[in-house]
Amino acid sequence: MTAALGRIVIYTKKIDQMAEFYSRHFGFSVHRPDGDRLVELRPRDSGLTILLHPAAAPQAEGQSLIKLVFDIEDVGSFCARSRANGLTFGKIHQADGYVFANARDPSQNPIQISSRAFAQP
């Protein structure tokens, strides 16, 4: 039996800002089930669901050992569109057959857009 990775939990003190950020810049739909303190961000097509979980008072935002990476075929165009919508990515880096750029979400978690998934082996 195998287990499929189905969702990522992000602990944050900025639930509304995070929901708006991932909805606006990455196309997630926001679901707030009645009586649930978690906010569910569902991808429009395929991909993992993000759950926004209220952070406890002593939890420091942005101190993570993970980075969310979004597969984007045309990184340069995505960066330009994002900048027009208020999200600025850093320098576009060239890697072995693909490019990527980094930014941070409102809770200072690292995010990346990358064309690696589209690179030819």
Protein backbone atom coordinates (compact mmCIF):
# COMPACT_ATOMS: atom_id res chain seq x y z
CA MET A 1 0.00 0.00 0.00
CA THR A 2 1.28 3.48 -0.86
CA ALA A 3 0.28 6.82 0.54
CA ALA A 4 -0.30 9.81 -1.73
CA LEU A 5 0.67 13.27 -0.58
CA GLY A 6 -2.61 15.17 -0.66
CA ARG A 7 -2.16 18.48 1.11
CA ILE A 8 0.29 20.89 2.67
CA VAL A 9 -0.45 22.69 5.95
CA ILE A 10 0.82 26.23 6.40
CA TYR A 11 0.68 27.67 9.91
CA THR A 12 0.01 31.39 9.76
CA LYS A 13 -1.23 34.36 11.75
CA LYS A 14 -2.44 35.96 8.48
CA ILE A 15 -5.19 33.61 7.29
CA ASP A 16 -7.10 36.18 5.20
CA GLN A 17 -3.98 37.66 3.58
CA MET A 18 -2.63 34.20 2.79
CA ALA A 19 -5.94 33.05 1.26
CA GLU A 20 -6.08 36.15 -0.93
CA PHE A 21 -2.40 35.78 -1.91
CA TYR A 22 -2.64 32.15 -3.08
CA SER A 23 -6.00 32.79 -4.74
CA ARG A 24 -4.83 35.89 -6.61
CA HIS A 25 -1.37 34.81 -7.68
CA PHE A 26 -1.72 31.04 -8.09
CA GLY A 27 -5.41 30.54 -8.87
CA PHE A 28 -6.47 28.58 -5.77
CA SER A 29 -10.13 28.65 -4.77
CA VAL A 30 -10.82 29.45 -1.12
CA HIS A 31 -13.09 27.18 0.94
CA ARG A 32 -14.07 27.98 4.53
CA PRO A 33 -16.16 25.09 5.88
CA ASP A 34 -18.61 26.13 8.63
CA GLY A 35 -17.22 25.42 12.09
CA ASP A 36 -13.72 24.62 10.80
CA ARG A 37 -10.84 26.89 11.77
CA LEU A 38 -8.81 25.67 8.78
CA VAL A 39 -9.11 27.41 5.43
CA GLU A 40 -8.76 25.12 2.45
CA LEU A 41 -7.14 26.36 -0.75
CA ARG A 42 -7.96 24.07 -3.65
CA PRO A 43 -6.09 24.13 -6.96
CA ARG A 44 -8.25 24.86 -9.99
CA ASP A 45 -6.73 22.05 -12.03
CA SER A 46 -4.40 19.49 -10.50
CA GLY A 47 -2.02 19.71 -7.58
CA LEU A 48 -2.02 19.68 -3.83
CA THR A 49 -4.51 21.37 -1.57
CA ILE A 50 -3.10 23.94 0.87
CA LEU A 51 -4.61 24.11 4.34
CA LEU A 52 -4.14 27.36 6.24
CA HIS A 53 -3.96 26.65 9.95
CA PRO A 54 -3.97 29.39 12.60
CA ALA A 55 -0.50 29.63 14.12
CA ALA A 56 -0.14 29.48 17.88
CA ALA A 57 1.12 32.64 19.60
CA PRO A 58 4.72 31.41 20.08
CA GLN A 59 5.08 30.13 16.50
CA ALA A 60 7.35 32.35 14.41
CA GLU A 61 6.20 32.86 10.84
CA GLY A 62 8.57 32.23 7.97
CA GLN A 63 10.84 29.83 9.84
CA SER A 64 10.35 26.75 7.74
CA LEU A 65 12.35 23.94 6.28
CA ILE A 66 10.13 23.64 3.23
CA LYS A 67 9.48 25.69 0.13
CA LEU A 68 6.37 25.55 -2.01
CA VAL A 69 7.35 25.14 -5.68
CA PHE A 70 4.80 25.88 -8.40
CA ASP A 71 5.34 24.38 -11.86
CA ILE A 72 5.24 27.22 -14.40
CA GLU A 73 6.23 26.63 -18.01
CA ASP A 74 7.02 30.28 -18.83
CA VAL A 75 8.65 31.68 -15.68
CA GLY A 76 9.48 35.08 -17.23
CA SER A 77 5.88 35.76 -18.29
CA PHE A 78 4.54 34.58 -14.94
CA CYS A 79 6.96 36.93 -13.13
CA ALA A 80 5.78 39.87 -15.26
CA ARG A 81 2.08 39.09 -14.66
CA SER A 82 2.73 38.62 -10.95
CA ARG A 83 4.57 41.93 -10.68
CA ALA A 84 1.56 43.67 -12.27
CA ASN A 85 -0.60 42.02 -9.56
CA GLY A 86 1.68 43.08 -6.70
CA LEU A 87 3.94 40.01 -6.27
CA THR A 88 7.59 40.54 -7.12
CA PHE A 89 9.86 37.55 -7.62
CA GLY A 90 13.61 37.79 -7.31
CA LYS A 91 16.09 37.21 -10.11
CA ILE A 92 15.29 34.45 -12.60
CA HIS A 93 17.98 31.82 -12.15
CA GLN A 94 19.18 29.50 -14.91
CA ALA A 95 19.68 25.88 -13.87
CA ASP A 96 20.35 22.68 -15.84
CA GLY A 97 17.73 23.03 -18.57
CA TYR A 98 15.20 25.04 -16.61
CA VAL A 99 14.72 28.39 -14.84
CA PHE A 100 13.29 29.40 -11.47
CA ALA A 101 12.59 32.45 -9.32
CA ASN A 102 11.88 32.90 -5.62
CA ALA A 103 9.58 35.06 -3.48
CA ARG A 104 7.81 34.92 -0.11
CA ASP A 105 4.15 34.77 0.82
CA PRO A 106 2.54 37.16 3.36
CA SER A 107 3.68 34.95 6.26
CA GLN A 108 7.26 35.01 4.89
CA ASN A 109 7.24 31.35 3.78
CA PRO A 110 9.54 30.77 0.81
CA ILE A 111 7.85 30.04 -2.51
CA GLN A 112 9.31 29.33 -5.92
CA ILE A 113 8.13 29.14 -9.50
CA SER A 114 10.07 26.72 -11.66
CA SER A 115 10.04 25.32 -15.19
CA ARG A 116 11.88 22.17 -14.04
CA ALA A 117 8.78 19.98 -14.56
CA PHE A 118 8.79 20.99 -18.23
CA ALA A 119 12.56 20.50 -18.83
CA GLN A 120 13.63 17.93 -21.37
CA PRO A 121 15.62 15.07 -19.81
